[in-house]
Protein backbone atom coordinates (compact mmCIF):
# COMPACT_ATOMS: atom_id res chain seq x y z
CA MET A 1 1.00 -21.54 -13.80
CA GLN A 2 -1.96 -19.43 -14.23
CA ASN A 3 -1.58 -16.76 -16.95
CA THR A 4 -4.13 -14.28 -14.97
CA LEU A 5 -3.49 -13.91 -11.48
CA GLU A 6 -6.58 -13.04 -9.05
CA LEU A 7 -5.48 -10.18 -6.45
CA ASN A 8 -6.87 -8.26 -3.89
CA HIS A 9 -9.53 -10.49 -2.53
CA LEU A 10 -12.16 -9.24 -0.19
CA PRO A 11 -12.36 -11.91 2.65
CA VAL A 12 -15.83 -12.33 2.44
CA LEU A 13 -17.95 -12.11 -0.84
CA THR A 14 -20.41 -8.98 -1.44
CA TRP A 15 -22.44 -8.13 -4.48
CA ASN A 16 -20.87 -9.14 -7.47
CA LYS A 17 -22.68 -7.26 -10.14
CA LEU A 18 -19.61 -4.74 -10.10
CA LYS A 19 -17.11 -7.44 -10.33
CA MET A 20 -15.17 -5.79 -6.99
CA ASN A 21 -14.68 -8.94 -5.30
CA SER A 22 -10.80 -9.29 -6.66
CA GLY A 23 -9.01 -7.98 -9.08
CA LYS A 24 -7.58 -9.78 -12.13
CA LEU A 25 -3.50 -9.58 -13.24
CA THR A 26 -3.47 -10.59 -16.55
CA GLY A 27 -0.83 -12.12 -18.83
CA ALA A 28 1.35 -12.83 -15.91
CA ASP A 29 3.64 -15.52 -17.61
CA ALA A 30 4.97 -12.88 -19.63
CA LEU A 31 5.11 -10.23 -17.05
CA PHE A 32 7.42 -12.74 -14.58
CA ALA A 33 9.07 -14.27 -17.53
CA ALA A 34 13.03 -13.73 -17.24
CA ALA A 35 12.38 -11.29 -14.54
CA ALA A 36 15.25 -9.18 -13.69
CA GLU A 37 16.33 -7.09 -10.15
CA PRO A 38 15.63 -3.43 -10.45
CA GLU A 39 18.65 -0.85 -9.54
CA GLU A 40 19.13 -0.60 -5.81
CA THR A 41 20.16 2.48 -4.21
CA LEU A 42 20.55 2.60 -0.41
CA SER A 43 21.52 5.63 2.17
CA ASP A 44 23.93 4.97 4.79
CA LEU A 45 22.83 2.71 7.34
CA PRO A 46 23.12 3.92 11.05
CA GLN A 47 24.58 1.60 14.05
CA GLY A 48 22.12 -0.68 14.72
CA VAL A 49 20.41 -1.46 11.18
CA SER A 50 21.62 -4.00 8.60
CA CYS A 51 20.79 -5.03 5.40
CA ARG A 52 21.86 -7.70 3.49
CA SER A 53 20.22 -10.66 0.39
CA VAL A 54 19.01 -13.67 2.14
CA SER A 55 17.77 -17.25 0.98
CA ARG A 56 14.15 -17.95 0.96
CA GLU A 57 14.56 -21.13 3.10
CA ALA A 58 16.03 -18.22 5.56
CA ALA A 59 13.24 -16.07 5.24
CA ALA A 60 10.68 -18.70 5.65
CA ARG A 61 12.46 -19.39 8.75
CA LEU A 62 12.11 -15.88 10.23
CA LEU A 63 8.57 -15.49 9.09
CA ALA A 64 7.57 -18.87 10.62
CA ALA A 65 8.92 -17.16 13.94
CA ALA A 66 6.01 -14.37 13.65
CA PRO A 67 3.10 -14.06 15.63
CA LYS A 68 1.17 -16.52 14.48
CA GLN A 69 -1.77 -15.89 11.85
CA GLU A 70 -4.26 -18.52 11.37
CA ALA A 71 -7.18 -18.41 8.45
CA GLU A 72 -10.39 -19.11 10.01
CA ARG A 73 -13.35 -21.38 8.76
CA VAL A 74 -15.86 -18.20 9.30
CA VAL A 75 -15.25 -14.39 9.48
CA ALA A 76 -18.05 -12.37 10.93
CA GLY A 77 -20.56 -15.31 10.41
CA LYS A 78 -19.58 -16.04 6.97
CA VAL A 79 -17.40 -18.48 4.69
CA PRO A 80 -14.42 -16.60 3.74
CA ALA A 81 -13.99 -16.52 -0.03
CA TYR A 82 -10.34 -16.46 0.40
CA HIS A 83 -8.05 -18.16 2.91
CA PRO A 84 -4.95 -15.77 3.39
CA GLN A 85 -1.43 -17.06 3.72
CA THR A 86 0.68 -18.00 6.21
CA PHE A 87 1.76 -14.70 6.45
CA ALA A 88 -1.13 -12.62 5.02
CA THR A 89 -0.50 -9.93 2.51
CA GLY A 90 -2.83 -7.59 0.61
CA LEU A 91 -2.47 -9.20 -3.08
CA GLY A 92 -2.77 -12.08 -1.62
CA GLN A 93 -1.41 -16.12 -2.49
CA GLU A 94 -1.41 -16.37 -6.20
CA TYR A 95 1.10 -13.10 -6.82
CA ASP A 96 3.34 -14.63 -3.59
CA GLU A 97 3.34 -17.82 -4.92
CA ARG A 98 4.52 -16.67 -8.56
CA LEU A 99 7.08 -13.89 -7.03
CA ALA A 100 8.39 -16.45 -5.02
CA SER A 101 9.05 -18.82 -8.18
CA VAL A 102 11.18 -15.91 -9.70
CA CYS A 103 13.03 -14.40 -6.54
CA SER A 104 15.93 -16.80 -4.90
CA ARG A 105 16.89 -14.45 -2.72
CA VAL A 106 15.18 -11.95 -0.02
CA ARG A 107 16.59 -8.55 0.71
CA LEU A 108 16.19 -8.31 4.49
CA MET A 109 16.59 -5.57 6.44
CA GLU A 110 16.91 -5.87 10.32
CA VAL A 111 16.73 -3.05 13.23
CA GLY A 112 18.36 -4.57 16.40
CA ALA A 113 16.25 -4.53 19.65
CA GLY A 114 16.22 -1.56 21.41
CA VAL A 115 17.82 0.68 18.61
CA SER A 116 15.77 4.08 18.10
CA ILE A 117 17.04 5.81 14.84
CA GLU A 118 16.00 9.32 14.17
CA GLU A 119 17.02 10.24 10.86
CA PRO A 120 15.14 8.54 7.97
CA VAL A 121 16.88 5.76 5.86
CA PHE A 122 16.02 5.98 1.89
CA TRP A 123 16.12 2.77 -0.22
CA SER A 124 15.29 3.83 -3.71
CA MET A 125 14.74 1.14 -6.56
CA GLY A 126 14.99 2.20 -10.68
CA PHE A 127 13.32 -0.04 -12.68
CA PRO A 128 14.66 -0.26 -16.27
CA ASP A 129 12.56 0.55 -19.51
CA GLY A 130 11.07 -2.28 -21.61
CA LYS A 131 11.99 -4.60 -18.90
CA HIS A 132 10.32 -6.72 -16.24
CA ALA A 133 12.03 -6.69 -13.08
CA VAL A 134 10.62 -7.69 -9.39
CA THR A 135 12.06 -7.76 -5.95
CA GLU A 136 11.33 -8.87 -2.73
CA GLN A 137 11.95 -7.48 1.00
CA MET A 138 11.33 -8.23 4.46
CA ILE A 139 12.01 -5.87 7.08
CA HIS A 140 12.29 -6.77 10.94
CA VAL A 141 12.30 -4.27 13.62
CA GLY A 142 13.52 -5.94 17.09
CA ALA A 143 11.32 -5.03 20.31
CA GLY A 144 11.26 -1.72 21.64
CA ALA A 145 13.38 -0.70 18.38
CA SER A 146 11.75 2.41 16.07
CA LEU A 147 12.68 3.22 12.44
CA THR A 148 11.97 5.78 9.68
CA LEU A 149 12.09 4.24 6.11
CA ILE A 150 11.43 5.99 2.88
CA MET A 151 10.83 3.68 -0.31
CA ASP A 152 10.27 4.82 -3.86
CA PHE A 153 9.89 2.93 -7.04
CA ARG A 154 10.85 4.97 -9.88
CA SER A 155 11.83 4.90 -14.10
CA GLY A 156 11.96 6.92 -16.74
CA PRO A 157 9.16 9.15 -17.32
CA ALA A 158 7.78 7.58 -20.87
CA ALA A 159 9.54 4.07 -19.59
CA SER A 160 7.38 0.82 -19.86
CA GLY A 161 7.69 -2.40 -17.79
CA PHE A 162 6.90 -4.64 -14.83
CA ALA A 163 7.90 -3.30 -11.77
CA GLY A 164 6.72 -6.51 -9.13
CA VAL A 165 7.30 -5.51 -5.43
CA SER A 166 6.68 -7.36 -2.28
CA THR A 167 7.36 -6.28 1.38
CA LYS A 168 6.79 -8.36 4.53
CA ILE A 169 7.29 -6.67 7.71
CA ILE A 170 7.62 -7.97 11.40
CA LEU A 171 7.11 -5.89 13.83
CA GLU A 172 8.28 -7.67 17.45
CA LYS A 173 6.67 -6.06 21.31
CA GLU A 174 6.69 -2.21 21.47
CA ALA A 175 8.38 -1.73 17.90
CA LYS A 176 7.53 1.03 15.84
CA LEU A 177 7.77 1.72 12.16
CA ASN A 178 7.18 4.92 10.26
CA LEU A 179 7.34 3.33 6.66
CA SER A 180 6.68 5.96 3.33
CA ARG A 181 6.07 3.93 0.00
CA VAL A 182 6.19 6.49 -2.98
CA GLN A 183 5.40 5.12 -6.81
CA MET A 184 6.85 7.29 -9.41
CA LEU A 185 6.80 4.92 -12.66
CA GLY A 186 6.63 5.59 -16.25
CA GLY A 187 3.14 5.73 -18.08
CA GLY A 188 3.59 2.31 -19.75
CA PHE A 189 4.42 0.41 -16.54
CA VAL A 190 2.48 -2.28 -15.19
CA HIS A 191 2.88 -1.95 -11.28
CA ALA A 192 2.07 -4.66 -8.29
CA ASP A 193 2.96 -3.65 -4.89
CA ASP A 194 2.24 -6.10 -2.01
CA LEU A 195 2.67 -5.60 1.26
CA GLY A 196 2.07 -7.89 4.90
CA VAL A 197 2.65 -6.83 8.20
CA SER A 198 2.59 -8.88 11.66
CA LEU A 199 1.94 -6.51 14.86
CA ALA A 200 3.10 -7.62 17.96
CA GLU A 201 2.11 -6.05 21.27
CA ARG A 202 2.01 -2.24 21.66
CA SER A 203 3.79 -2.04 17.94
CA ALA A 204 3.24 0.23 15.51
CA LEU A 205 2.86 1.34 11.97
CA THR A 206 2.36 4.50 10.13
CA LEU A 207 2.21 3.61 6.10
CA ASN A 208 2.64 6.99 3.95
CA GLN A 209 1.80 5.78 0.49
CA MET A 210 1.72 7.55 -2.81
CA GLU A 211 0.79 5.79 -6.14
CA LEU A 212 1.48 8.56 -8.80
CA GLY A 213 2.13 6.61 -11.94
CA GLY A 214 2.07 3.53 -14.29
CA GLN A 215 -0.49 2.40 -16.88
CA LYS A 216 -1.90 -0.43 -14.44
CA SER A 217 -1.22 -0.89 -10.29
CA PHE A 218 -2.41 -2.93 -8.25
CA VAL A 219 -1.41 -2.15 -4.53
CA GLY A 220 -2.28 -4.43 -1.44
CA ALA A 221 -1.48 -4.13 2.48
CA GLN A 222 -2.65 -6.78 5.07
CA ALA A 223 -1.69 -5.44 8.51
CA GLU A 224 -2.50 -8.46 11.24
CA MET A 225 -2.84 -6.58 14.61
CA ILE A 226 -1.87 -9.79 16.64
CA GLY A 227 -0.46 -8.17 19.96
CA ASN A 228 -2.65 -6.01 22.56
CA GLU A 229 -2.75 -2.67 22.00
CA SER A 230 -1.34 -2.57 18.32
CA ALA A 231 -1.78 0.51 15.87
CA PHE A 232 -1.81 0.45 12.21
CA CYS A 233 -2.32 3.89 10.50
CA VAL A 234 -2.40 4.57 6.58
CA ARG A 235 -2.80 8.18 4.97
CA ALA A 236 -2.41 6.73 1.09
CA CYS A 237 -3.19 9.11 -2.11
CA TYR A 238 -3.45 8.05 -5.51
CA LEU A 239 -3.17 10.20 -9.15
CA THR A 240 -4.93 8.32 -11.78
CA LEU A 241 -5.39 10.22 -15.29
CA GLY A 242 -6.15 9.04 -18.74
CA GLY A 243 -6.53 5.70 -19.21
CA GLU A 244 -5.19 4.50 -16.26
CA GLU A 245 -6.35 1.85 -13.79
CA ALA A 246 -5.56 1.46 -10.35
CA ASP A 247 -6.57 -1.43 -8.25
CA MET A 248 -6.07 -1.03 -4.63
CA ASN A 249 -6.87 -3.24 -1.34
CA TYR A 250 -6.19 -2.48 2.21
CA ASN A 251 -7.30 -5.10 5.26
CA ALA A 252 -6.61 -4.67 8.83
CA VAL A 253 -7.62 -7.42 10.78
CA GLN A 254 -7.80 -6.62 14.60
CA ARG A 255 -7.11 -9.32 16.73
CA GLY A 256 -5.58 -8.23 19.93
CA ARG A 257 -7.22 -6.24 22.00
CA LYS A 258 -7.73 -2.10 22.20
CA THR A 259 -5.95 -2.58 18.70
CA ASP A 260 -6.22 1.11 16.78
CA CYS A 261 -6.84 0.94 13.16
CA ARG A 262 -6.91 4.65 11.21
CA MET A 263 -6.97 4.38 7.03
CA SER A 264 -7.45 7.74 4.83
CA PHE A 265 -7.17 7.67 1.70
CA ASP A 266 -7.10 10.95 -1.20
CA GLY A 267 -7.62 10.63 -4.77
CA VAL A 268 -7.74 12.39 -8.03
CA LEU A 269 -8.90 10.89 -11.35
CA GLY A 270 -8.96 12.65 -14.62
CA GLY A 271 -9.50 11.66 -18.24
CA ARG A 272 -10.85 7.74 -18.41
CA ALA A 273 -9.08 6.46 -15.41
CA LYS A 274 -10.35 3.47 -13.58
CA LYS A 275 -10.19 2.79 -9.69
CA THR A 276 -11.15 0.42 -7.41
CA LEU A 277 -10.44 0.63 -3.50
CA ARG A 278 -11.18 -2.24 -0.98
CA GLY A 279 -11.00 -0.95 2.47
CA THR A 280 -11.72 -3.79 4.86
CA ILE A 281 -11.67 -3.03 8.85
CA ASP A 282 -12.21 -6.55 10.52
CA PHE A 283 -12.84 -6.87 14.32
CA ARG A 284 -12.28 -10.78 15.12
CA GLY A 285 -13.15 -12.37 17.96
CA GLY A 286 -11.04 -11.15 21.07
CA SER A 287 -10.59 -7.63 20.30
CA ALA A 288 -12.40 -6.25 22.90
CA GLY A 289 -12.10 -2.39 23.30
CA SER A 290 -10.91 -1.86 19.69
CA VAL A 291 -11.14 1.30 17.36
CA GLY A 292 -11.39 1.20 13.28
CA ASP A 293 -11.99 4.23 11.24
CA GLU A 294 -11.45 4.41 7.39
CA GLN A 295 -12.36 7.41 5.17
CA GLU A 296 -11.61 8.23 1.71
CA ASN A 297 -11.75 11.52 -0.52
CA VAL A 298 -11.64 11.81 -4.08
CA LEU A 299 -11.33 14.61 -6.44
CA LEU A 300 -12.90 13.97 -10.00
CA LEU A 301 -11.73 16.26 -13.13
CA SER A 302 -13.85 14.96 -15.68
CA ASN A 303 -16.68 13.06 -16.73
CA ASP A 304 -15.61 9.44 -18.22
CA ILE A 305 -14.14 7.96 -14.77
CA GLU A 306 -14.95 4.37 -13.52
CA ASN A 307 -14.64 5.06 -9.60
CA LYS A 308 -15.58 2.51 -7.58
CA SER A 309 -14.97 2.12 -3.65
CA ILE A 310 -15.92 -0.64 -1.08
CA PRO A 311 -15.54 0.05 2.28
CA MET A 312 -16.45 -2.74 4.51
CA ILE A 313 -16.35 -3.35 8.52
CA LEU A 314 -16.58 -7.07 9.81
CA CYS A 315 -17.12 -7.50 13.49
CA GLU A 316 -17.04 -10.69 15.61
CA GLU A 317 -16.58 -8.78 18.76
CA GLU A 318 -19.22 -6.40 20.38
CA ASP A 319 -17.18 -3.90 22.65
CA VAL A 320 -15.48 -2.48 19.60
CA GLU A 321 -16.02 1.14 17.31
CA GLY A 322 -16.08 1.09 13.82
CA ARG A 323 -16.59 3.69 11.35
CA HIS A 324 -16.26 4.42 7.61
CA GLY A 325 -17.17 7.27 5.02
CA ALA A 326 -16.50 8.62 1.73
CA THR A 327 -16.60 12.07 -0.02
CA ILE A 328 -16.37 12.48 -3.84
CA GLY A 329 -16.80 15.59 -6.00
CA ARG A 330 -15.80 17.83 -8.65
CA LEU A 331 -13.88 21.09 -8.80
CA ASP A 332 -16.58 23.61 -7.37
CA GLU A 333 -17.36 26.26 -9.89
CA GLY A 334 -17.97 28.87 -7.59
CA LEU A 335 -14.46 28.46 -6.01
CA LEU A 336 -12.77 28.50 -10.05
CA PHE A 337 -14.78 31.54 -10.59
CA TYR A 338 -13.64 33.03 -7.08
CA LEU A 339 -10.00 32.39 -7.89
CA GLY A 340 -10.48 33.55 -11.71
CA THR A 341 -11.21 37.20 -10.36
CA ARG A 342 -7.98 37.14 -8.04
CA GLY A 343 -6.12 36.13 -11.48
CA ILE A 344 -6.15 32.66 -11.49
CA ASP A 345 -7.00 30.78 -14.60
CA ALA A 346 -8.83 27.24 -14.36
CA ARG A 347 -5.42 25.48 -15.20
CA ALA A 348 -4.01 26.48 -12.43
CA ALA A 349 -6.91 26.64 -9.94
CA GLN A 350 -7.34 22.69 -10.77
CA GLU A 351 -3.33 22.12 -10.00
CA MET A 352 -4.02 24.03 -6.53
CA MET A 353 -6.42 21.63 -5.78
CA VAL A 354 -4.66 18.52 -7.01
CA TYR A 355 -1.42 19.67 -4.98
CA ALA A 356 -3.89 20.31 -1.78
CA ARG A 357 -5.44 16.43 -2.14
CA LEU A 358 -2.37 14.73 -2.49
CA GLY A 359 0.01 16.99 0.06
CA THR A 360 -1.90 15.54 3.06
CA VAL A 361 0.48 12.71 2.43
CA ALA A 362 3.42 14.27 0.61
CA ARG A 363 3.91 16.41 3.86
CA GLU A 364 4.18 13.62 5.80
CA ILE A 365 7.25 11.95 3.84
CA HIS A 366 10.70 13.37 5.46
CA GLY A 367 13.31 14.50 2.87
CA GLU A 368 13.19 17.83 1.04
CA GLU A 369 14.77 16.63 -2.31
CA LEU A 370 12.07 13.79 -2.11
CA GLN A 371 9.35 15.88 -1.83
CA ARG A 372 10.78 18.49 -4.67
CA GLN A 373 11.04 15.08 -6.83
CA ILE A 374 7.30 13.97 -5.88
CA ASN A 375 5.78 17.67 -6.85
CA ASP A 376 8.09 17.88 -10.43
CA TYR A 377 6.31 14.39 -10.92
CA ILE A 378 3.18 15.51 -10.21
CA ARG A 379 3.27 18.61 -12.50
CA SER A 380 5.02 16.80 -15.07
CA ARG A 381 1.99 14.43 -15.40
CA LEU A 382 -0.53 17.37 -15.04
């Protein structure tokens, strides 16, 4: 097996001077060796929702029945640098295969067809200090069903280890999933979070994602918008401080007609932080009438930051609308002076700006107690 895994591939190669075509997870043999399972806490499930452990074979059969995904030989006139898996995910094939080698079972959550759940379901995973733990889940939402699911990954504040997560989602016709993922790991953790979703006709996934901790994070998500009028909305934020590193990849493949993709990212970087964000909107042939929009806003708290962003739009279809943009800035000296005249010192003002930036996502997450824990975690980090 490879000791270095190549993750978060761009769909096609771009100028590689900045080495942004993919990320690398080093020391994979040690990270995945003797990996245990995290401690799981699941709220009471409402009628029509089930969660159980299944074999990899049973999970593979369910994935095989999902809307077909095919790896094209040419993408937007270019030869792909990377062919996706049968069921594509953001981190990619090497991570997917390594996780499969250590996870013999998959946690499967299913929502029955036509079942509409108003109250959120909470799924928390605790990762032990000094240990390596991995988990793999599948979420299957039946036709016409809807669910709000909040997942969080946490440990002690000074804990270290490896936290490997993979989640594959199948949304049937007109299914709706509002998914929140909150990472609050200790400062010594290496974190890998992989997500893949298949969207059928008029289905929709809203993803609220907060990456708040860990020493090194690899986060990837790929949405295959196969059905006509399917929708994928991402609201993500990250807090990367000190010598921490974050490597992220969000890829929306719009295949069906009149699909709708909206991705927004809000980040805070401080100390000697390193961050790479790849965001791709990929209009495939046949996606006429589709819309894609991607925006990033970054707040810089210091001068020793390595900030890399590569927004990309690939297009094989004429009748589409795609936009992307980025705003990067520091704390405004005029604003700090104004707040100072009102009795708010520079540190308090900085905290206010950080909360304002991350709060755009935090406010979308259900549960007062979880929101309090998120605010306490951010405060402890600042």
